[in-house]
Amino acid sequence: MRQEHKTFRSIEVGDGGDGRWAAYARTLWPEMEGLLTEEGRTPQGADRVGALFRAHLPELVPVLDRLTGQLDRPEAEAFLTHAALRPFTQSCTQIGRNGTLLRNYDLRPDLCEGTIVSSHFLRPVIGMQDMLWGLLDGMNDAGLAVSLTWGGRSAYGRGFSILLLVRYLLETCDTVDEAVGRLRSLPVAVPQNLTLVDPTKAVTVFVGPDMSPTPAPDACAANHQHLPVTDEQERALRTQERLRAIRAAGVDDVAAMLKPPLYRSVDEEGSRTLYTARYRPVDGHVTYYWPGESWQQSFGDFTPGSRTVTLSPTI
C-alpha cells in the first residue's frame, strides 16, 4: 500500500471585489473552463443561463457581476452561473441533529478543490468551496448550515449545480424553514440530497430535475433518495450500509466517521473520503477532520493557511 496526500487551503475573499478571490480563481481557471458545456460556450447558451440566474437568484446578481468582472476571462459569466456545467457525482454521508451538521465528503482527490473559504458576498459565510464559488458544505452567521450528497440517480435537466444552490441558501436564508421554502422554486440539474441545520431544526431534503423537493424520513443522507436501491447500486456505493451506520453513530461520533464503513478507502474510480466536517453553526465553528489531524475555523477566528493531510491508503 502507498499513502496519498492532499493539500487543503483556507482563504479569505471578502466581498469578491478586492482581487483576492480573482487571484485565486485565475489559478484554477484553466481546469475549470473545461467543465463548461458546449451550449454554455455559445452566445445563445450564455444568454440562456444568464437569464436563468437572474430569474431565480436575483439577490446574487450583483455578486455574479462583481466576480465576473474580477475574473475577466472569456466565458466567465456563463461558468459562474453554474447553470451550464457538466454533471458530476460524488459519494458522501451526512447527518444533522441538535444544532450540529456532521458529514463525510468522498471524491477523487484531483477533482476536489479543497479550499475552505471565508467570504462576505452578501453576509459572512464559511464553507468548503468548489467550482470557484460554489460550496460543498458551509454555514452562515445566522446559525444555518447546509451540506450536500449526490442523490444516486442519473437524471439530468436544465438547472443549477447544487454547489451554487448551497451558496445561495446560505447567503439569503436564516433558518431551515426559510431555506426549504426557497428550494421549491429553484431548478436543480442533478438529483441531490441536502441536509440543513439551524439551532432548533434539522432536515434532509431530496431534490432533482424530475421531482419537487421531498423531505427525507430523517435528517440523514447517503447516496439514494425515494426509489429502491438495487443490489448493483449497493455493491458500488454501499449507500444503505453507510446510512445505517451514520444513523447509529449520530452527530457526536466523529471517530465513527474516520473508520469503515463511513470512512471509505479508494474505490475503482479512485474516489475516497477526503475530509470529515463538523459544523456547529450556532457557535460559528467548523472543524475538519482527517485520521490523526483536525483543523478548526470560525467566524471569530478564521486563519488562512494550508494543511497537507494523509488520505486512506491506495492498494
C-alpha atoms as a PDB file:
ATOM      1  CA  MET A   1       0.000   0.000   0.000  1.00  0.00           C
ATOM      2  CA  ARG A   2       1.124   3.571  -0.600  1.00  0.00           C
ATOM      3  CA  GLN A   3       0.000   6.720   1.160  1.00  0.00           C
ATOM      4  CA  GLU A   4      -1.572   9.566  -0.799  1.00  0.00           C
ATOM      5  CA  HIS A   5      -1.632  13.162   0.364  1.00  0.00           C
ATOM      6  CA  LYS A   6      -3.783  16.182  -0.408  1.00  0.00           C
ATOM      7  CA  THR A   7      -3.275  19.821   0.457  1.00  0.00           C
ATOM      8  CA  PHE A   8      -6.251  21.792   1.751  1.00  0.00           C
ATOM      9  CA  ARG A   9      -6.145  25.584   1.869  1.00  0.00           C
ATOM     10  CA  SER A  10      -8.084  28.269   3.708  1.00  0.00           C
ATOM     11  CA  ILE A  11      -8.518  31.730   2.215  1.00  0.00           C
ATOM     12  CA  GLU A  12     -10.451  34.910   2.904  1.00  0.00           C
ATOM     13  CA  VAL A  13     -12.047  36.619  -0.108  1.00  0.00           C
ATOM     14  CA  GLY A  14     -14.207  39.373   1.394  1.00  0.00           C
ATOM     15  CA  ASP A  15     -16.962  40.516  -0.974  1.00  0.00           C
ATOM     16  CA  GLY A  16     -15.055  39.255  -4.016  1.00  0.00           C
ATOM     17  CA  GLY A  17     -14.227  42.728  -5.254  1.00  0.00           C
ATOM     18  CA  ASP A  18     -10.748  43.432  -3.893  1.00  0.00           C
ATOM     19  CA  GLY A  19      -8.807  40.981  -6.065  1.00  0.00           C
ATOM     20  CA  ARG A  20      -8.240  38.183  -3.523  1.00  0.00           C
ATOM     21  CA  TRP A  21     -10.950  35.908  -4.923  1.00  0.00           C
ATOM     22  CA  ALA A  22      -9.936  36.653  -8.514  1.00  0.00           C
ATOM     23  CA  ALA A  23      -6.255  35.963  -7.882  1.00  0.00           C
ATOM     24  CA  TYR A  24      -7.139  32.525  -6.563  1.00  0.00           C
ATOM     25  CA  ALA A  25      -9.801  31.814  -9.209  1.00  0.00           C
ATOM     26  CA  ARG A  26      -7.418  32.628 -12.067  1.00  0.00           C
ATOM     27  CA  THR A  27      -5.047  29.872 -10.929  1.00  0.00           C
ATOM     28  CA  LEU A  28      -7.899  27.367 -11.286  1.00  0.00           C
ATOM     29  CA  TRP A  29      -9.467  28.731 -14.459  1.00  0.00           C
ATOM     30  CA  PRO A  30      -7.538  26.536 -16.954  1.00  0.00           C
ATOM     31  CA  GLU A  31      -9.009  23.380 -15.397  1.00  0.00           C
ATOM     32  CA  MET A  32     -12.390  24.924 -14.572  1.00  0.00           C
ATOM     33  CA  GLU A  33     -13.268  26.170 -18.070  1.00  0.00           C
ATOM     34  CA  GLY A  34     -13.186  22.604 -19.384  1.00  0.00           C
ATOM     35  CA  LEU A  35     -16.227  21.834 -17.202  1.00  0.00           C
ATOM     36  CA  LEU A  36     -18.431  24.238 -19.177  1.00  0.00           C
ATOM     37  CA  THR A  37     -20.935  22.535 -21.506  1.00  0.00           C
ATOM     38  CA  GLU A  38     -20.811  23.120 -25.256  1.00  0.00           C
ATOM     39  CA  GLU A  39     -24.099  25.010 -25.034  1.00  0.00           C
ATOM     40  CA  GLY A  40     -22.617  27.290 -22.394  1.00  0.00           C
ATOM     41  CA  ARG A  41     -19.856  28.256 -24.808  1.00  0.00           C
ATOM     42  CA  THR A  42     -22.293  29.669 -27.371  1.00  0.00           C
ATOM     43  CA  PRO A  43     -23.717  33.216 -27.180  1.00  0.00           C
ATOM     44  CA  GLN A  44     -27.244  31.806 -27.102  1.00  0.00           C
ATOM     45  CA  GLY A  45     -26.385  29.382 -24.318  1.00  0.00           C
ATOM     46  CA  ALA A  46     -24.637  32.062 -22.290  1.00  0.00           C
ATOM     47  CA  ASP A  47     -27.690  34.298 -22.649  1.00  0.00           C
ATOM     48  CA  ARG A  48     -29.994  31.473 -21.541  1.00  0.00           C
ATOM     49  CA  VAL A  49     -28.068  30.629 -18.369  1.00  0.00           C
ATOM     50  CA  GLY A  50     -27.608  34.301 -17.563  1.00  0.00           C
ATOM     51  CA  ALA A  51     -31.360  34.831 -17.795  1.00  0.00           C
ATOM     52  CA  LEU A  52     -31.996  31.733 -15.659  1.00  0.00           C
ATOM     53  CA  PHE A  53     -29.639  33.049 -12.988  1.00  0.00           C
ATOM     54  CA  ARG A  54     -31.253  36.482 -12.923  1.00  0.00           C
ATOM     55  CA  ALA A  55     -34.741  34.994 -12.750  1.00  0.00           C
ATOM     56  CA  HIS A  56     -34.096  32.571  -9.876  1.00  0.00           C
ATOM     57  CA  LEU A  57     -31.168  34.015  -7.911  1.00  0.00           C
ATOM     58  CA  PRO A  58     -31.710  37.792  -8.118  1.00  0.00           C
ATOM     59  CA  GLU A  59     -30.021  38.530  -4.788  1.00  0.00           C
ATOM     60  CA  LEU A  60     -26.758  37.126  -6.153  1.00  0.00           C
ATOM     61  CA  VAL A  61     -26.794  39.111  -9.432  1.00  0.00           C
ATOM     62  CA  PRO A  62     -24.549  41.903  -8.037  1.00  0.00           C
ATOM     63  CA  VAL A  63     -22.132  39.250  -6.766  1.00  0.00           C
ATOM     64  CA  LEU A  64     -22.114  37.460 -10.135  1.00  0.00           C
ATOM     65  CA  ASP A  65     -21.377  40.740 -11.905  1.00  0.00           C
ATOM     66  CA  ARG A  66     -18.615  41.583  -9.440  1.00  0.00           C
ATOM     67  CA  LEU A  67     -16.938  38.192  -9.711  1.00  0.00           C
ATOM     68  CA  THR A  68     -17.242  38.085 -13.486  1.00  0.00           C
ATOM     69  CA  GLY A  69     -15.596  41.481 -13.764  1.00  0.00           C
ATOM     70  CA  GLN A  70     -12.828  40.493 -11.377  1.00  0.00           C
ATOM     71  CA  LEU A  71     -12.114  37.188 -13.115  1.00  0.00           C
ATOM     72  CA  ASP A  72     -12.057  38.860 -16.549  1.00  0.00           C
ATOM     73  CA  ARG A  73     -11.934  35.643 -18.556  1.00  0.00           C
ATOM     74  CA  PRO A  74     -13.863  34.538 -21.645  1.00  0.00           C
ATOM     75  CA  GLU A  75     -16.992  32.598 -20.713  1.00  0.00           C
ATOM     76  CA  ALA A  76     -16.539  33.519 -17.040  1.00  0.00           C
ATOM     77  CA  GLU A  77     -20.146  34.638 -16.527  1.00  0.00           C
ATOM     78  CA  ALA A  78     -21.601  31.506 -18.119  1.00  0.00           C
ATOM     79  CA  PHE A  79     -19.394  29.348 -15.895  1.00  0.00           C
ATOM     80  CA  LEU A  80     -20.164  31.260 -12.720  1.00  0.00           C
ATOM     81  CA  THR A  81     -23.928  30.894 -13.207  1.00  0.00           C
ATOM     82  CA  HIS A  82     -23.390  27.151 -12.523  1.00  0.00           C
ATOM     83  CA  ALA A  83     -26.230  26.515 -14.977  1.00  0.00           C
ATOM     84  CA  ALA A  84     -24.015  25.231 -17.823  1.00  0.00           C
ATOM     85  CA  LEU A  85     -21.633  22.828 -16.072  1.00  0.00           C
ATOM     86  CA  ARG A  86     -21.036  19.199 -16.915  1.00  0.00           C
ATOM     87  CA  PRO A  87     -22.767  16.990 -14.313  1.00  0.00           C
ATOM     88  CA  PHE A  88     -20.653  15.362 -11.632  1.00  0.00           C
ATOM     89  CA  THR A  89     -21.362  12.816  -8.916  1.00  0.00           C
ATOM     90  CA  GLN A  90     -19.849  12.164  -5.511  1.00  0.00           C
ATOM     91  CA  SER A  91     -20.396   9.695  -2.675  1.00  0.00           C
ATOM     92  CA  CYS A  92     -20.972  11.346   0.708  1.00  0.00           C
ATOM     93  CA  THR A  93     -22.694  10.690   4.033  1.00  0.00           C
ATOM     94  CA  GLN A  94     -24.193  13.285   6.388  1.00  0.00           C
ATOM     95  CA  ILE A  95     -26.401  13.798   9.443  1.00  0.00           C
ATOM     96  CA  GLY A  96     -27.923  16.785  11.199  1.00  0.00           C
ATOM     97  CA  ARG A  97     -29.175  16.892  14.783  1.00  0.00           C
ATOM     98  CA  ASN A  98     -29.189  19.183  17.837  1.00  0.00           C
ATOM     99  CA  GLY A  99     -27.730  22.186  16.021  1.00  0.00           C
ATOM    100  CA  THR A 100     -24.857  20.129  14.567  1.00  0.00           C
ATOM    101  CA  LEU A 101     -24.109  19.030  10.996  1.00  0.00           C
ATOM    102  CA  LEU A 102     -21.638  16.174  10.503  1.00  0.00           C
ATOM    103  CA  ARG A 103     -20.559  14.929   7.093  1.00  0.00           C
ATOM    104  CA  ASN A 104     -18.000  12.920   5.107  1.00  0.00           C
ATOM    105  CA  TYR A 105     -17.118  14.047   1.596  1.00  0.00           C
ATOM    106  CA  ASP A 106     -15.914  11.387  -0.868  1.00  0.00           C
ATOM    107  CA  LEU A 107     -14.424  12.023  -4.317  1.00  0.00           C
ATOM    108  CA  ARG A 108     -11.235  11.587  -6.332  1.00  0.00           C
ATOM    109  CA  PRO A 109      -8.602  13.845  -4.736  1.00  0.00           C
ATOM    110  CA  ASP A 110      -7.729  15.569  -8.020  1.00  0.00           C
ATOM    111  CA  LEU A 111     -11.357  16.559  -8.572  1.00  0.00           C
ATOM    112  CA  CYS A 112     -11.813  18.333  -5.226  1.00  0.00           C
ATOM    113  CA  GLU A 113     -10.747  21.967  -4.958  1.00  0.00           C
ATOM    114  CA  GLY A 114     -10.029  21.550  -1.249  1.00  0.00           C
ATOM    115  CA  THR A 115     -10.403  25.207  -0.311  1.00  0.00           C
ATOM    116  CA  ILE A 116     -12.033  26.456   2.889  1.00  0.00           C
ATOM    117  CA  VAL A 117     -13.322  29.941   2.143  1.00  0.00           C
ATOM    118  CA  SER A 118     -14.421  32.764   4.413  1.00  0.00           C
ATOM    119  CA  SER A 119     -16.479  35.229   2.375  1.00  0.00           C
ATOM    120  CA  HIS A 120     -18.803  38.189   2.791  1.00  0.00           C
ATOM    121  CA  PHE A 121     -20.548  38.318  -0.597  1.00  0.00           C
ATOM    122  CA  LEU A 122     -23.898  39.173   0.993  1.00  0.00           C
ATOM    123  CA  ARG A 123     -23.185  38.066   4.563  1.00  0.00           C
ATOM    124  CA  PRO A 124     -20.486  36.110   6.449  1.00  0.00           C
ATOM    125  CA  VAL A 125     -20.255  32.539   5.153  1.00  0.00           C
ATOM    126  CA  ILE A 126     -17.607  29.853   5.761  1.00  0.00           C
ATOM    127  CA  GLY A 127     -17.542  26.640   3.764  1.00  0.00           C
ATOM    128  CA  MET A 128     -15.672  24.152   1.614  1.00  0.00           C
ATOM    129  CA  GLN A 129     -15.580  25.757  -1.815  1.00  0.00           C
ATOM    130  CA  ASP A 130     -15.800  24.038  -5.203  1.00  0.00           C
ATOM    131  CA  MET A 131     -16.160  25.294  -8.789  1.00  0.00           C
ATOM    132  CA  LEU A 132     -14.804  28.769  -7.873  1.00  0.00           C
ATOM    133  CA  TRP A 133     -17.652  29.936  -5.615  1.00  0.00           C
ATOM    134  CA  GLY A 134     -19.973  27.004  -5.074  1.00  0.00           C
ATOM    135  CA  LEU A 135     -19.992  25.190  -1.728  1.00  0.00           C
ATOM    136  CA  LEU A 136     -19.944  21.503  -0.834  1.00  0.00           C
ATOM    137  CA  ASP A 137     -20.964  22.425   2.708  1.00  0.00           C
ATOM    138  CA  GLY A 138     -20.978  25.579   4.803  1.00  0.00           C
ATOM    139  CA  MET A 139     -22.561  27.794   7.444  1.00  0.00           C
ATOM    140  CA  ASN A 140     -23.618  31.419   7.795  1.00  0.00           C
ATOM    141  CA  ASP A 141     -23.707  33.977  10.573  1.00  0.00           C
ATOM    142  CA  ALA A 142     -27.404  33.321  11.286  1.00  0.00           C
ATOM    143  CA  GLY A 143     -26.665  29.786  12.512  1.00  0.00           C
ATOM    144  CA  LEU A 144     -27.703  27.898   9.362  1.00  0.00           C
ATOM    145  CA  ALA A 145     -25.541  25.066   7.960  1.00  0.00           C
ATOM    146  CA  VAL A 146     -26.074  23.090   4.738  1.00  0.00           C
ATOM    147  CA  SER A 147     -24.270  20.183   3.063  1.00  0.00           C
ATOM    148  CA  LEU A 148     -24.884  18.022   0.002  1.00  0.00           C
ATOM    149  CA  THR A 149     -24.679  14.444  -1.202  1.00  0.00           C
ATOM    150  CA  TRP A 150     -25.381  13.010  -4.656  1.00  0.00           C
ATOM    151  CA  GLY A 151     -28.870  11.506  -4.945  1.00  0.00           C
ATOM    152  CA  GLY A 152     -27.668   8.358  -6.695  1.00  0.00           C
ATOM    153  CA  ARG A 153     -29.770   8.711  -9.854  1.00  0.00           C
ATOM    154  CA  SER A 154     -28.683   9.590 -13.404  1.00  0.00           C
ATOM    155  CA  ALA A 155     -31.427  12.119 -14.219  1.00  0.00           C
ATOM    156  CA  TYR A 156     -30.248  15.424 -15.687  1.00  0.00           C
ATOM    157  CA  GLY A 157     -32.113  18.611 -16.550  1.00  0.00           C
ATOM    158  CA  ARG A 158     -31.852  22.345 -17.034  1.00  0.00           C
ATOM    159  CA  GLY A 159     -30.989  23.955 -13.744  1.00  0.00           C
ATOM    160  CA  PHE A 160     -28.205  24.931 -11.389  1.00  0.00           C
ATOM    161  CA  SER A 161     -25.428  22.858  -9.893  1.00  0.00           C
ATOM    162  CA  ILE A 162     -26.211  22.074  -6.284  1.00  0.00           C
ATOM    163  CA  LEU A 163     -22.923  23.747  -5.302  1.00  0.00           C
ATOM    164  CA  LEU A 164     -24.288  27.170  -6.161  1.00  0.00           C
ATOM    165  CA  LEU A 165     -27.622  26.477  -4.504  1.00  0.00           C
ATOM    166  CA  VAL A 166     -25.851  25.676  -1.232  1.00  0.00           C
ATOM    167  CA  ARG A 167     -24.107  29.049  -1.599  1.00  0.00           C
ATOM    168  CA  TYR A 168     -27.401  30.769  -2.397  1.00  0.00           C
ATOM    169  CA  LEU A 169     -29.260  29.309   0.580  1.00  0.00           C
ATOM    170  CA  LEU A 170     -26.502  30.329   2.980  1.00  0.00           C
ATOM    171  CA  GLU A 171     -26.277  33.824   1.517  1.00  0.00           C
ATOM    172  CA  THR A 172     -30.022  34.519   1.652  1.00  0.00           C
ATOM    173  CA  CYS A 173     -31.628  32.400   4.413  1.00  0.00           C
ATOM    174  CA  ASP A 174     -31.584  32.491   8.204  1.00  0.00           C
ATOM    175  CA  THR A 175     -33.406  29.259   9.058  1.00  0.00           C
ATOM    176  CA  VAL A 176     -34.043  25.732   7.816  1.00  0.00           C
ATOM    177  CA  ASP A 177     -37.694  26.516   7.086  1.00  0.00           C
ATOM    178  CA  GLU A 178     -36.772  29.562   5.029  1.00  0.00           C
ATOM    179  CA  ALA A 179     -34.177  27.583   3.043  1.00  0.00           C
ATOM    180  CA  VAL A 180     -36.559  24.685   2.359  1.00  0.00           C
ATOM    181  CA  GLY A 181     -39.135  27.198   1.150  1.00  0.00           C
ATOM    182  CA  ARG A 182     -36.610  28.713  -1.263  1.00  0.00           C
ATOM    183  CA  LEU A 183     -35.746  25.283  -2.666  1.00  0.00           C
ATOM    184  CA  ARG A 184     -39.277  24.850  -4.015  1.00  0.00           C
ATOM    185  CA  SER A 185     -38.644  27.448  -6.727  1.00  0.00           C
ATOM    186  CA  LEU A 186     -35.050  26.555  -7.643  1.00  0.00           C
ATOM    187  CA  PRO A 187     -34.331  24.280 -10.641  1.00  0.00           C
ATOM    188  CA  VAL A 188     -31.530  21.800  -9.955  1.00  0.00           C
ATOM    189  CA  ALA A 189     -29.632  19.953 -12.680  1.00  0.00           C
ATOM    190  CA  VAL A 190     -28.831  16.637 -10.954  1.00  0.00           C
ATOM    191  CA  PRO A 191     -30.543  14.639  -8.152  1.00  0.00           C
ATOM    192  CA  GLN A 192     -29.011  15.670  -4.835  1.00  0.00           C
ATOM    193  CA  ASN A 193     -29.709  15.428  -1.116  1.00  0.00           C
ATOM    194  CA  LEU A 194     -29.368  18.465   1.131  1.00  0.00           C
ATOM    195  CA  THR A 195     -29.103  18.293   4.902  1.00  0.00           C
ATOM    196  CA  LEU A 196     -29.905  21.582   6.626  1.00  0.00           C
ATOM    197  CA  VAL A 197     -29.420  22.503  10.296  1.00  0.00           C
ATOM    198  CA  ASP A 198     -30.218  25.557  12.408  1.00  0.00           C
ATOM    199  CA  PRO A 199     -30.311  25.938  16.218  1.00  0.00           C
ATOM    200  CA  THR A 200     -33.757  24.315  16.501  1.00  0.00           C
ATOM    201  CA  LYS A 201     -34.281  22.120  13.448  1.00  0.00           C
ATOM    202  CA  ALA A 202     -32.547  19.604  11.166  1.00  0.00           C
ATOM    203  CA  VAL A 203     -33.927  18.085   7.935  1.00  0.00           C
ATOM    204  CA  THR A 204     -32.770  16.325   4.793  1.00  0.00           C
ATOM    205  CA  VAL A 205     -34.479  17.182   1.508  1.00  0.00           C
ATOM    206  CA  PHE A 206     -34.310  15.213  -1.751  1.00  0.00           C
ATOM    207  CA  VAL A 207     -34.151  17.425  -4.855  1.00  0.00           C
ATOM    208  CA  GLY A 208     -33.750  16.743  -8.568  1.00  0.00           C
ATOM    209  CA  PRO A 209     -34.684  17.905 -12.054  1.00  0.00           C
ATOM    210  CA  ASP A 210     -37.582  15.435 -12.195  1.00  0.00           C
ATOM    211  CA  MET A 211     -39.087  15.919  -8.736  1.00  0.00           C
ATOM    212  CA  SER A 212     -40.287  18.524  -6.280  1.00  0.00           C
ATOM    213  CA  PRO A 213     -38.233  18.934  -3.088  1.00  0.00           C
ATOM    214  CA  THR A 214     -39.181  15.994  -0.872  1.00  0.00           C
ATOM    215  CA  PRO A 215     -38.387  15.666   2.858  1.00  0.00           C
ATOM    216  CA  ALA A 216     -36.447  12.542   3.811  1.00  0.00           C
ATOM    217  CA  PRO A 217     -37.574  10.349   6.718  1.00  0.00           C
ATOM    218  CA  ASP A 218     -34.928  11.927   8.962  1.00  0.00           C
ATOM    219  CA  ALA A 219     -32.015  14.368   8.775  1.00  0.00           C
ATOM    220  CA  CYS A 220     -29.586  11.803   7.348  1.00  0.00           C
ATOM    221  CA  ALA A 221     -28.421  11.155   3.795  1.00  0.00           C
ATOM    222  CA  ALA A 222     -26.109   8.930   1.808  1.00  0.00           C
ATOM    223  CA  ASN A 223     -26.481   8.374  -1.950  1.00  0.00           C
ATOM    224  CA  HIS A 224     -30.070   7.339  -2.577  1.00  0.00           C
ATOM    225  CA  GLN A 225     -33.456   9.028  -2.439  1.00  0.00           C
ATOM    226  CA  HIS A 226     -37.029   7.767  -2.554  1.00  0.00           C
ATOM    227  CA  LEU A 227     -36.537   4.894  -5.011  1.00  0.00           C
ATOM    228  CA  PRO A 228     -35.426   1.365  -4.042  1.00  0.00           C
ATOM    229  CA  VAL A 229     -31.665   0.739  -4.139  1.00  0.00           C
ATOM    230  CA  THR A 230     -30.676  -2.106  -6.453  1.00  0.00           C
ATOM    231  CA  ASP A 231     -28.157  -4.757  -5.446  1.00  0.00           C
ATOM    232  CA  GLU A 232     -25.747  -3.353  -8.044  1.00  0.00           C
ATOM    233  CA  GLN A 233     -26.028   0.172  -6.620  1.00  0.00           C
ATOM    234  CA  GLU A 234     -25.467  -1.089  -3.104  1.00  0.00           C
ATOM    235  CA  ARG A 235     -22.373  -3.053  -4.124  1.00  0.00           C
ATOM    236  CA  ALA A 236     -20.923   0.021  -5.821  1.00  0.00           C
ATOM    237  CA  LEU A 237     -21.904   2.700  -3.286  1.00  0.00           C
ATOM    238  CA  ARG A 238     -22.766   0.887  -0.028  1.00  0.00           C
ATOM    239  CA  THR A 239     -25.238   3.722   0.401  1.00  0.00           C
ATOM    240  CA  GLN A 240     -27.734   1.850   2.608  1.00  0.00           C
ATOM    241  CA  GLU A 241     -24.941   0.464   4.769  1.00  0.00           C
ATOM    242  CA  ARG A 242     -23.495   3.958   5.267  1.00  0.00           C
ATOM    243  CA  LEU A 243     -26.904   5.417   6.054  1.00  0.00           C
ATOM    244  CA  ARG A 244     -27.494   2.785   8.739  1.00  0.00           C
ATOM    245  CA  ALA A 245     -24.031   3.431  10.153  1.00  0.00           C
ATOM    246  CA  ILE A 246     -24.412   7.195  10.406  1.00  0.00           C
ATOM    247  CA  ARG A 247     -27.841   6.881  11.990  1.00  0.00           C
ATOM    248  CA  ALA A 248     -26.329   4.603  14.610  1.00  0.00           C
ATOM    249  CA  ALA A 249     -23.315   6.880  15.176  1.00  0.00           C
ATOM    250  CA  GLY A 250     -25.139  10.200  15.472  1.00  0.00           C
ATOM    251  CA  VAL A 251     -23.688  13.706  15.195  1.00  0.00           C
ATOM    252  CA  ASP A 252     -21.271  13.455  18.107  1.00  0.00           C
ATOM    253  CA  ASP A 253     -19.307  10.393  16.990  1.00  0.00           C
ATOM    254  CA  VAL A 254     -16.559  11.849  14.817  1.00  0.00           C
ATOM    255  CA  ALA A 255     -14.480   8.715  15.402  1.00  0.00           C
ATOM    256  CA  ALA A 256     -17.074   6.643  13.529  1.00  0.00           C
ATOM    257  CA  MET A 257     -16.712   8.933  10.520  1.00  0.00           C
ATOM    258  CA  LEU A 258     -12.999   8.134  10.365  1.00  0.00           C
ATOM    259  CA  LYS A 259     -13.368   4.378  10.035  1.00  0.00           C
ATOM    260  CA  PRO A 260     -15.309   1.992   7.734  1.00  0.00           C
ATOM    261  CA  PRO A 261     -17.969   1.853   6.533  1.00  0.00           C
ATOM    262  CA  LEU A 262     -18.347   5.644   6.761  1.00  0.00           C
ATOM    263  CA  TYR A 263     -14.699   6.361   6.013  1.00  0.00           C
ATOM    264  CA  ARG A 264     -14.141   4.979   2.523  1.00  0.00           C
ATOM    265  CA  SER A 265     -10.846   3.745   1.124  1.00  0.00           C
ATOM    266  CA  VAL A 266     -10.100   4.187  -2.559  1.00  0.00           C
ATOM    267  CA  ASP A 267     -12.597   2.530  -4.934  1.00  0.00           C
ATOM    268  CA  GLU A 268     -12.388   1.528  -8.594  1.00  0.00           C
ATOM    269  CA  GLU A 269     -12.947   5.135  -9.697  1.00  0.00           C
ATOM    270  CA  GLY A 270     -10.257   6.498  -7.377  1.00  0.00           C
ATOM    271  CA  SER A 271     -12.822   8.062  -5.039  1.00  0.00           C
ATOM    272  CA  ARG A 272     -12.287   8.004  -1.275  1.00  0.00           C
ATOM    273  CA  THR A 273     -13.149  10.010   1.823  1.00  0.00           C
ATOM    274  CA  LEU A 274     -11.339  13.341   1.526  1.00  0.00           C
ATOM    275  CA  TYR A 275     -12.480  15.039   4.737  1.00  0.00           C
ATOM    276  CA  THR A 276     -14.942  14.979   7.596  1.00  0.00           C
ATOM    277  CA  ALA A 277     -16.605  18.266   8.589  1.00  0.00           C
ATOM    278  CA  ARG A 278     -18.475  19.010  11.806  1.00  0.00           C
ATOM    279  CA  TYR A 279     -20.389  22.285  11.799  1.00  0.00           C
ATOM    280  CA  ARG A 280     -21.718  23.976  14.919  1.00  0.00           C
ATOM    281  CA  PRO A 281     -23.349  26.951  13.195  1.00  0.00           C
ATOM    282  CA  VAL A 282     -24.924  28.374  16.355  1.00  0.00           C
ATOM    283  CA  ASP A 283     -21.374  28.841  17.679  1.00  0.00           C
ATOM    284  CA  GLY A 284     -19.961  29.826  14.286  1.00  0.00           C
ATOM    285  CA  HIS A 285     -17.439  26.962  14.406  1.00  0.00           C
ATOM    286  CA  VAL A 286     -16.478  24.236  11.933  1.00  0.00           C
ATOM    287  CA  THR A 287     -13.834  21.554  12.405  1.00  0.00           C
ATOM    288  CA  TYR A 288     -12.417  19.500   9.539  1.00  0.00           C
ATOM    289  CA  TYR A 289     -11.043  16.072  10.423  1.00  0.00           C
ATOM    290  CA  TRP A 290      -8.671  13.532   8.917  1.00  0.00           C
ATOM    291  CA  PRO A 291      -7.169  10.466  10.596  1.00  0.00           C
ATOM    292  CA  GLY A 292      -4.884  11.889  13.279  1.00  0.00           C
ATOM    293  CA  GLU A 293      -5.466  15.538  12.399  1.00  0.00           C
ATOM    294  CA  SER A 294      -8.065  18.322  12.638  1.00  0.00           C
ATOM    295  CA  TRP A 295      -8.418  21.971  11.624  1.00  0.00           C
ATOM    296  CA  GLN A 296     -10.889  24.358  13.240  1.00  0.00           C
ATOM    297  CA  GLN A 297     -12.153  27.582  11.687  1.00  0.00           C
ATOM    298  CA  SER A 298     -14.731  30.084  12.915  1.00  0.00           C
ATOM    299  CA  PHE A 299     -16.217  33.472  12.194  1.00  0.00           C
ATOM    300  CA  GLY A 300     -14.390  34.890  15.188  1.00  0.00           C
ATOM    301  CA  ASP A 301     -11.035  33.296  14.396  1.00  0.00           C
ATOM    302  CA  PHE A 302     -10.575  32.386  10.738  1.00  0.00           C
ATOM    303  CA  THR A 303      -6.976  31.552   9.879  1.00  0.00           C
ATOM    304  CA  PRO A 304      -5.739  31.489   6.259  1.00  0.00           C
ATOM    305  CA  GLY A 305      -3.170  28.802   5.573  1.00  0.00           C
ATOM    306  CA  SER A 306      -2.750  25.257   4.296  1.00  0.00           C
ATOM    307  CA  ARG A 307      -2.608  21.686   5.577  1.00  0.00           C
ATOM    308  CA  THR A 308      -1.254  18.654   3.753  1.00  0.00           C
ATOM    309  CA  VAL A 309      -3.049  15.568   5.055  1.00  0.00           C
ATOM    310  CA  THR A 310      -2.714  11.823   4.581  1.00  0.00           C
ATOM    311  CA  LEU A 311      -5.647  10.146   2.871  1.00  0.00           C
ATOM    312  CA  SER A 312      -6.649   6.497   3.020  1.00  0.00           C
ATOM    313  CA  PRO A 313      -4.011   4.167   1.553  1.00  0.00           C
ATOM    314  CA  THR A 314      -4.029   3.170  -2.099  1.00  0.00           C
ATOM    315  CA  ILE A 315      -3.713  -0.575  -2.595  1.00  0.00           C
END
